[in-house]
Amino acid sequence: MKDLIPILLQYVKSRQKPAGHVLFIAHNARCFDAPFLINEFGRCSFEVPTNWLFMDTLPLAREVMKSRGSKLASKTSLQALREHYEISLVGSAHRAMSDVISLSLILQRLTFDLKLPVSGLVKRSLTASDLIKLKKKN
């Protein structure tokens, strides 16, 4: 990771708008993806940029399912959501690109169902320092 983090930082920097946020979206980001990145950055003596935000789609999925009184409220895996929204699997499940495609299509449906604009996603996002504080509380 020590060799990959500078590449990731440069890649993201080359594609972001000046003075803008970078929004990373993942399913179960609060418990898995974001802590993994934060830990690896720290382990390799890098700081997660302060303009990087992390959005977890799992709470969005739970909110949609709860509002609909769906039996899916406790089953909010990508597969369950894909099936709920009748989204075809592209490639094999649990492969990076397949999951990215599924999540992007699910995110479109979740934000539509919640009438949530991009600004709403940003407001619901957390910085690395927010996530570290939450972890310390728990």
N, C-alpha and C. Protein backbone atom coordinates (compact mmCIF):
# COMPACT_ATOMS: atom_id res chain seq x y z
N MET A 1 0.82 -1.20 0.00
CA MET A 1 0.00 0.00 0.00
C MET A 1 0.86 1.26 0.00
N LYS A 2 2.05 1.16 0.59
CA LYS A 2 2.91 2.34 0.65
C LYS A 2 3.24 2.86 -0.75
N ASP A 3 3.33 1.96 -1.73
CA ASP A 3 3.59 2.37 -3.12
C ASP A 3 2.31 2.78 -3.84
N LEU A 4 1.17 2.25 -3.42
CA LEU A 4 -0.08 2.52 -4.11
C LEU A 4 -0.76 3.82 -3.67
N ILE A 5 -0.60 4.20 -2.43
CA ILE A 5 -1.27 5.40 -1.92
C ILE A 5 -0.87 6.66 -2.70
N PRO A 6 0.41 6.90 -2.97
CA PRO A 6 0.75 8.08 -3.78
C PRO A 6 0.10 8.06 -5.17
N ILE A 7 -0.02 6.87 -5.75
CA ILE A 7 -0.66 6.74 -7.06
C ILE A 7 -2.14 7.10 -6.94
N LEU A 8 -2.79 6.60 -5.89
CA LEU A 8 -4.20 6.91 -5.66
C LEU A 8 -4.39 8.41 -5.44
N LEU A 9 -3.54 9.00 -4.62
CA LEU A 9 -3.64 10.44 -4.35
C LEU A 9 -3.48 11.26 -5.64
N GLN A 10 -2.52 10.90 -6.45
CA GLN A 10 -2.29 11.61 -7.71
C GLN A 10 -3.45 11.42 -8.68
N TYR A 11 -3.95 10.20 -8.76
CA TYR A 11 -5.08 9.90 -9.65
C TYR A 11 -6.30 10.73 -9.26
N VAL A 12 -6.64 10.73 -7.98
CA VAL A 12 -7.81 11.47 -7.53
C VAL A 12 -7.60 12.96 -7.75
N LYS A 13 -6.43 13.46 -7.41
CA LYS A 13 -6.13 14.88 -7.58
C LYS A 13 -6.26 15.31 -9.05
N SER A 14 -5.86 14.44 -9.96
CA SER A 14 -5.89 14.78 -11.38
C SER A 14 -7.32 14.85 -11.94
N ARG A 15 -8.29 14.34 -11.18
CA ARG A 15 -9.66 14.30 -11.67
C ARG A 15 -10.63 15.13 -10.86
N GLN A 16 -10.17 15.74 -9.80
CA GLN A 16 -11.10 16.50 -8.97
C GLN A 16 -11.15 17.97 -9.40
N LYS A 17 -12.26 18.61 -9.09
CA LYS A 17 -12.41 20.03 -9.37
C LYS A 17 -11.60 20.81 -8.34
N PRO A 18 -11.02 21.93 -8.74
CA PRO A 18 -10.26 22.75 -7.79
C PRO A 18 -11.13 23.12 -6.58
N ALA A 19 -10.59 22.96 -5.40
CA ALA A 19 -11.25 23.29 -4.13
C ALA A 19 -12.55 22.51 -3.92
N GLY A 20 -12.70 21.40 -4.62
CA GLY A 20 -13.92 20.60 -4.48
C GLY A 20 -13.72 19.43 -3.54
N HIS A 21 -14.83 18.80 -3.20
CA HIS A 21 -14.79 17.59 -2.39
C HIS A 21 -14.59 16.38 -3.29
N VAL A 22 -14.08 15.34 -2.72
CA VAL A 22 -13.99 14.05 -3.38
C VAL A 22 -14.92 13.14 -2.58
N LEU A 23 -15.90 12.57 -3.25
CA LEU A 23 -16.91 11.76 -2.57
C LEU A 23 -16.72 10.30 -2.95
N PHE A 24 -16.32 9.51 -1.96
CA PHE A 24 -16.19 8.07 -2.14
C PHE A 24 -17.47 7.43 -1.64
N ILE A 25 -18.07 6.61 -2.47
CA ILE A 25 -19.33 5.96 -2.11
C ILE A 25 -19.11 4.46 -2.11
N ALA A 26 -19.54 3.83 -1.02
CA ALA A 26 -19.41 2.37 -0.92
C ALA A 26 -20.56 1.84 -0.08
N HIS A 27 -20.87 0.60 -0.28
CA HIS A 27 -21.90 -0.06 0.52
C HIS A 27 -21.22 -0.63 1.75
N ASN A 28 -21.66 -0.20 2.91
CA ASN A 28 -21.05 -0.54 4.20
C ASN A 28 -19.72 0.19 4.40
N ALA A 29 -19.64 1.39 3.86
CA ALA A 29 -18.40 2.19 3.92
C ALA A 29 -17.97 2.50 5.34
N ARG A 30 -18.92 2.77 6.22
CA ARG A 30 -18.57 3.15 7.60
C ARG A 30 -17.86 2.04 8.35
N CYS A 31 -18.23 0.81 8.06
CA CYS A 31 -17.66 -0.32 8.80
C CYS A 31 -16.52 -1.03 8.08
N PHE A 32 -16.43 -0.86 6.76
CA PHE A 32 -15.40 -1.60 6.05
C PHE A 32 -14.49 -0.72 5.20
N ASP A 33 -15.01 -0.16 4.12
CA ASP A 33 -14.17 0.51 3.13
C ASP A 33 -13.41 1.71 3.69
N ALA A 34 -14.13 2.62 4.33
CA ALA A 34 -13.48 3.82 4.86
C ALA A 34 -12.47 3.48 5.97
N PRO A 35 -12.83 2.67 6.96
CA PRO A 35 -11.82 2.32 7.98
C PRO A 35 -10.60 1.62 7.38
N PHE A 36 -10.81 0.80 6.37
CA PHE A 36 -9.68 0.14 5.71
C PHE A 36 -8.73 1.18 5.13
N LEU A 37 -9.28 2.13 4.36
CA LEU A 37 -8.44 3.17 3.76
C LEU A 37 -7.75 4.02 4.83
N ILE A 38 -8.51 4.43 5.82
CA ILE A 38 -7.96 5.26 6.89
C ILE A 38 -6.82 4.54 7.61
N ASN A 39 -7.03 3.27 7.93
CA ASN A 39 -5.98 2.48 8.61
C ASN A 39 -4.74 2.33 7.74
N GLU A 40 -4.95 2.06 6.45
CA GLU A 40 -3.80 1.88 5.56
C GLU A 40 -3.05 3.19 5.36
N PHE A 41 -3.76 4.29 5.23
CA PHE A 41 -3.09 5.59 5.12
C PHE A 41 -2.24 5.83 6.36
N GLY A 42 -2.81 5.62 7.53
CA GLY A 42 -2.07 5.82 8.78
C GLY A 42 -0.89 4.88 8.92
N ARG A 43 -1.10 3.62 8.58
CA ARG A 43 -0.03 2.63 8.68
C ARG A 43 1.15 2.99 7.80
N CYS A 44 0.85 3.62 6.67
CA CYS A 44 1.89 3.99 5.71
C CYS A 44 2.34 5.44 5.86
N SER A 45 1.94 6.08 6.98
CA SER A 45 2.34 7.46 7.30
C SER A 45 1.84 8.50 6.30
N PHE A 46 0.62 8.32 5.83
CA PHE A 46 -0.04 9.29 4.96
C PHE A 46 -1.27 9.83 5.68
N GLU A 47 -1.66 11.04 5.32
CA GLU A 47 -2.88 11.63 5.83
C GLU A 47 -3.96 11.50 4.76
N VAL A 48 -5.17 11.13 5.17
CA VAL A 48 -6.30 11.15 4.24
C VAL A 48 -6.63 12.62 4.01
N PRO A 49 -6.70 13.05 2.76
CA PRO A 49 -7.00 14.46 2.50
C PRO A 49 -8.30 14.91 3.17
N THR A 50 -8.30 16.11 3.70
CA THR A 50 -9.46 16.62 4.44
C THR A 50 -10.67 16.85 3.55
N ASN A 51 -10.47 16.95 2.24
CA ASN A 51 -11.61 17.15 1.34
C ASN A 51 -12.19 15.83 0.82
N TRP A 52 -11.67 14.71 1.32
CA TRP A 52 -12.23 13.41 0.95
C TRP A 52 -13.40 13.11 1.88
N LEU A 53 -14.53 12.78 1.29
CA LEU A 53 -15.72 12.42 2.04
C LEU A 53 -16.10 10.99 1.73
N PHE A 54 -16.69 10.34 2.72
CA PHE A 54 -17.09 8.94 2.58
C PHE A 54 -18.59 8.82 2.80
N MET A 55 -19.26 8.23 1.81
CA MET A 55 -20.71 8.06 1.85
C MET A 55 -21.02 6.58 1.89
N ASP A 56 -21.84 6.19 2.85
CA ASP A 56 -22.23 4.80 3.00
C ASP A 56 -23.66 4.64 2.47
N THR A 57 -23.86 3.76 1.52
CA THR A 57 -25.20 3.55 0.96
C THR A 57 -26.07 2.63 1.83
N LEU A 58 -25.46 1.96 2.78
CA LEU A 58 -26.24 1.05 3.63
C LEU A 58 -27.33 1.78 4.41
N PRO A 59 -27.03 2.90 5.09
CA PRO A 59 -28.11 3.63 5.77
C PRO A 59 -29.19 4.13 4.81
N LEU A 60 -28.80 4.51 3.60
CA LEU A 60 -29.78 4.94 2.61
C LEU A 60 -30.73 3.79 2.27
N ALA A 61 -30.15 2.61 2.06
CA ALA A 61 -30.96 1.44 1.72
C ALA A 61 -31.92 1.11 2.86
N ARG A 62 -31.43 1.17 4.08
CA ARG A 62 -32.30 0.88 5.23
C ARG A 62 -33.43 1.90 5.32
N GLU A 63 -33.11 3.15 5.05
CA GLU A 63 -34.12 4.21 5.10
C GLU A 63 -35.20 3.98 4.05
N VAL A 64 -34.80 3.63 2.83
CA VAL A 64 -35.77 3.37 1.77
C VAL A 64 -36.63 2.18 2.14
N MET A 65 -36.01 1.09 2.56
CA MET A 65 -36.77 -0.12 2.85
C MET A 65 -37.72 0.10 4.03
N LYS A 66 -37.27 0.83 5.03
CA LYS A 66 -38.11 1.11 6.20
C LYS A 66 -39.31 1.97 5.80
N SER A 67 -39.07 2.97 4.95
CA SER A 67 -40.16 3.86 4.53
C SER A 67 -41.21 3.12 3.71
N ARG A 68 -40.81 2.06 3.07
CA ARG A 68 -41.74 1.26 2.27
C ARG A 68 -42.36 0.11 3.05
N GLY A 69 -41.93 -0.04 4.31
CA GLY A 69 -42.42 -1.16 5.10
C GLY A 69 -41.99 -2.49 4.51
N SER A 70 -40.86 -2.46 3.81
CA SER A 70 -40.38 -3.65 3.11
C SER A 70 -39.82 -4.68 4.08
N LYS A 71 -40.02 -5.93 3.73
CA LYS A 71 -39.41 -7.03 4.48
C LYS A 71 -37.90 -7.02 4.29
N LEU A 72 -37.44 -6.26 3.30
CA LEU A 72 -36.02 -6.19 3.01
C LEU A 72 -35.25 -5.33 4.00
N ALA A 73 -35.94 -4.70 4.95
CA ALA A 73 -35.30 -3.75 5.86
C ALA A 73 -34.04 -4.33 6.51
N SER A 74 -34.04 -5.61 6.80
CA SER A 74 -32.85 -6.22 7.40
C SER A 74 -31.95 -6.87 6.36
N LYS A 75 -32.43 -6.98 5.14
CA LYS A 75 -31.65 -7.60 4.07
C LYS A 75 -31.28 -6.52 3.07
N THR A 76 -30.21 -5.83 3.33
CA THR A 76 -29.82 -4.71 2.48
C THR A 76 -28.44 -4.94 1.86
N SER A 77 -28.14 -6.17 1.55
CA SER A 77 -26.90 -6.47 0.85
C SER A 77 -27.03 -5.96 -0.58
N LEU A 78 -25.91 -5.82 -1.27
CA LEU A 78 -25.98 -5.42 -2.67
C LEU A 78 -26.85 -6.38 -3.47
N GLN A 79 -26.70 -7.66 -3.22
CA GLN A 79 -27.49 -8.64 -3.96
C GLN A 79 -28.98 -8.45 -3.70
N ALA A 80 -29.36 -8.27 -2.43
CA ALA A 80 -30.78 -8.08 -2.11
C ALA A 80 -31.32 -6.80 -2.74
N LEU A 81 -30.52 -5.74 -2.73
CA LEU A 81 -30.95 -4.48 -3.34
C LEU A 81 -31.04 -4.60 -4.86
N ARG A 82 -30.08 -5.29 -5.45
CA ARG A 82 -30.09 -5.51 -6.89
C ARG A 82 -31.37 -6.26 -7.29
N GLU A 83 -31.69 -7.29 -6.52
CA GLU A 83 -32.90 -8.06 -6.79
C GLU A 83 -34.15 -7.22 -6.57
N HIS A 84 -34.17 -6.44 -5.50
CA HIS A 84 -35.31 -5.58 -5.19
C HIS A 84 -35.58 -4.60 -6.33
N TYR A 85 -34.52 -4.01 -6.87
CA TYR A 85 -34.66 -3.03 -7.95
C TYR A 85 -34.64 -3.68 -9.35
N GLU A 86 -34.58 -5.01 -9.37
CA GLU A 86 -34.57 -5.75 -10.64
C GLU A 86 -33.44 -5.30 -11.56
N ILE A 87 -32.26 -5.21 -10.98
CA ILE A 87 -31.06 -4.81 -11.72
C ILE A 87 -30.28 -6.09 -12.06
N SER A 88 -29.99 -6.26 -13.32
CA SER A 88 -29.26 -7.44 -13.76
C SER A 88 -27.80 -7.38 -13.30
N LEU A 89 -27.30 -8.54 -12.95
CA LEU A 89 -25.90 -8.65 -12.57
C LEU A 89 -25.04 -8.61 -13.82
N VAL A 90 -24.03 -7.76 -13.80
CA VAL A 90 -23.08 -7.67 -14.92
C VAL A 90 -21.80 -8.33 -14.45
N GLY A 91 -21.44 -9.45 -15.02
CA GLY A 91 -20.26 -10.18 -14.57
C GLY A 91 -20.59 -11.03 -13.35
N SER A 92 -19.58 -11.35 -12.58
CA SER A 92 -19.74 -12.18 -11.38
C SER A 92 -19.91 -11.31 -10.15
N ALA A 93 -20.79 -11.75 -9.27
CA ALA A 93 -20.99 -11.02 -8.01
C ALA A 93 -19.69 -11.00 -7.21
N HIS A 94 -19.52 -9.96 -6.43
CA HIS A 94 -18.36 -9.78 -5.55
C HIS A 94 -17.05 -9.59 -6.30
N ARG A 95 -17.14 -9.22 -7.56
CA ARG A 95 -15.96 -8.81 -8.32
C ARG A 95 -16.01 -7.29 -8.38
N ALA A 96 -14.90 -6.64 -8.35
CA ALA A 96 -14.85 -5.18 -8.21
C ALA A 96 -15.73 -4.44 -9.21
N MET A 97 -15.54 -4.67 -10.49
CA MET A 97 -16.28 -3.90 -11.48
C MET A 97 -17.76 -4.24 -11.45
N SER A 98 -18.10 -5.48 -11.23
CA SER A 98 -19.49 -5.88 -11.14
C SER A 98 -20.18 -5.18 -9.97
N ASP A 99 -19.51 -5.14 -8.83
CA ASP A 99 -20.07 -4.47 -7.65
C ASP A 99 -20.17 -2.96 -7.86
N VAL A 100 -19.20 -2.37 -8.55
CA VAL A 100 -19.25 -0.93 -8.85
C VAL A 100 -20.46 -0.62 -9.72
N ILE A 101 -20.67 -1.42 -10.75
CA ILE A 101 -21.81 -1.20 -11.65
C ILE A 101 -23.11 -1.37 -10.88
N SER A 102 -23.21 -2.43 -10.10
CA SER A 102 -24.42 -2.66 -9.31
C SER A 102 -24.67 -1.50 -8.35
N LEU A 103 -23.64 -1.09 -7.64
CA LEU A 103 -23.81 -0.01 -6.66
C LEU A 103 -24.19 1.30 -7.33
N SER A 104 -23.61 1.59 -8.48
CA SER A 104 -23.95 2.85 -9.15
C SER A 104 -25.42 2.86 -9.57
N LEU A 105 -25.93 1.74 -10.03
CA LEU A 105 -27.34 1.65 -10.41
C LEU A 105 -28.25 1.68 -9.19
N ILE A 106 -27.84 1.02 -8.13
CA ILE A 106 -28.61 1.03 -6.88
C ILE A 106 -28.63 2.44 -6.29
N LEU A 107 -27.48 3.11 -6.31
CA LEU A 107 -27.41 4.48 -5.78
C LEU A 107 -28.38 5.40 -6.51
N GLN A 108 -28.47 5.26 -7.82
CA GLN A 108 -29.42 6.07 -8.59
C GLN A 108 -30.84 5.85 -8.09
N ARG A 109 -31.18 4.61 -7.84
CA ARG A 109 -32.54 4.28 -7.39
C ARG A 109 -32.78 4.76 -5.97
N LEU A 110 -31.78 4.59 -5.09
CA LEU A 110 -31.93 5.04 -3.70
C LEU A 110 -32.11 6.55 -3.64
N THR A 111 -31.27 7.28 -4.36
CA THR A 111 -31.36 8.74 -4.31
C THR A 111 -32.67 9.22 -4.93
N PHE A 112 -33.15 8.52 -5.94
CA PHE A 112 -34.46 8.86 -6.52
C PHE A 112 -35.57 8.62 -5.50
N ASP A 113 -35.55 7.45 -4.87
CA ASP A 113 -36.58 7.11 -3.89
C ASP A 113 -36.59 8.07 -2.71
N LEU A 114 -35.41 8.52 -2.31
CA LEU A 114 -35.30 9.44 -1.16
C LEU A 114 -35.38 10.91 -1.58
N LYS A 115 -35.49 11.14 -2.89
CA LYS A 115 -35.48 12.51 -3.42
C LYS A 115 -34.26 13.26 -2.88
N LEU A 116 -33.12 12.61 -3.00
CA LEU A 116 -31.88 13.09 -2.42
C LEU A 116 -30.94 13.60 -3.51
N PRO A 117 -30.69 14.93 -3.55
CA PRO A 117 -29.75 15.46 -4.55
C PRO A 117 -28.30 15.20 -4.13
N VAL A 118 -27.38 15.51 -5.02
CA VAL A 118 -25.96 15.32 -4.71
C VAL A 118 -25.59 16.07 -3.43
N SER A 119 -26.13 17.27 -3.25
CA SER A 119 -25.83 18.04 -2.03
C SER A 119 -26.27 17.27 -0.79
N GLY A 120 -27.34 16.50 -0.91
CA GLY A 120 -27.79 15.67 0.21
C GLY A 120 -26.83 14.55 0.51
N LEU A 121 -26.23 13.99 -0.54
CA LEU A 121 -25.21 12.95 -0.33
C LEU A 121 -24.01 13.53 0.40
N VAL A 122 -23.60 14.73 -0.02
CA VAL A 122 -22.46 15.38 0.62
C VAL A 122 -22.76 15.65 2.10
N LYS A 123 -23.96 16.13 2.39
CA LYS A 123 -24.34 16.41 3.79
C LYS A 123 -24.34 15.16 4.65
N ARG A 124 -24.65 14.03 4.06
CA ARG A 124 -24.70 12.77 4.81
C ARG A 124 -23.35 12.05 4.86
N SER A 125 -22.37 12.63 4.23
CA SER A 125 -21.05 12.01 4.17
C SER A 125 -20.22 12.37 5.39
N LEU A 126 -19.17 11.60 5.59
CA LEU A 126 -18.28 11.80 6.73
C LEU A 126 -16.84 11.94 6.25
N THR A 127 -16.08 12.75 6.96
CA THR A 127 -14.65 12.84 6.69
C THR A 127 -13.94 11.71 7.44
N ALA A 128 -12.68 11.54 7.14
CA ALA A 128 -11.89 10.52 7.86
C ALA A 128 -11.87 10.85 9.35
N SER A 129 -11.72 12.12 9.70
CA SER A 129 -11.68 12.48 11.13
C SER A 129 -13.03 12.21 11.80
N ASP A 130 -14.14 12.42 11.08
CA ASP A 130 -15.46 12.08 11.64
C ASP A 130 -15.53 10.59 11.95
N LEU A 131 -15.06 9.78 11.02
CA LEU A 131 -15.10 8.32 11.19
C LEU A 131 -14.22 7.86 12.35
N ILE A 132 -13.07 8.50 12.50
CA ILE A 132 -12.16 8.15 13.60
C ILE A 132 -12.82 8.50 14.93
N LYS A 133 -13.47 9.65 15.01
CA LYS A 133 -14.19 10.06 16.23
C LYS A 133 -15.31 9.08 16.56
N LEU A 134 -16.06 8.67 15.55
CA LEU A 134 -17.14 7.70 15.76
C LEU A 134 -16.60 6.38 16.28
N LYS A 135 -15.48 5.95 15.74
CA LYS A 135 -14.88 4.68 16.17
C LYS A 135 -14.44 4.76 17.63
N LYS A 136 -13.90 5.90 18.02
CA LYS A 136 -13.45 6.07 19.41
C LYS A 136 -14.63 6.06 20.38
N LYS A 137 -15.79 6.60 19.95
CA LYS A 137 -16.99 6.61 20.78
C LYS A 137 -17.50 5.21 21.03
N ASN A 138 -17.39 4.38 19.99
CA ASN A 138 -17.94 3.00 20.09
C ASN A 138 -16.88 2.13 20.64
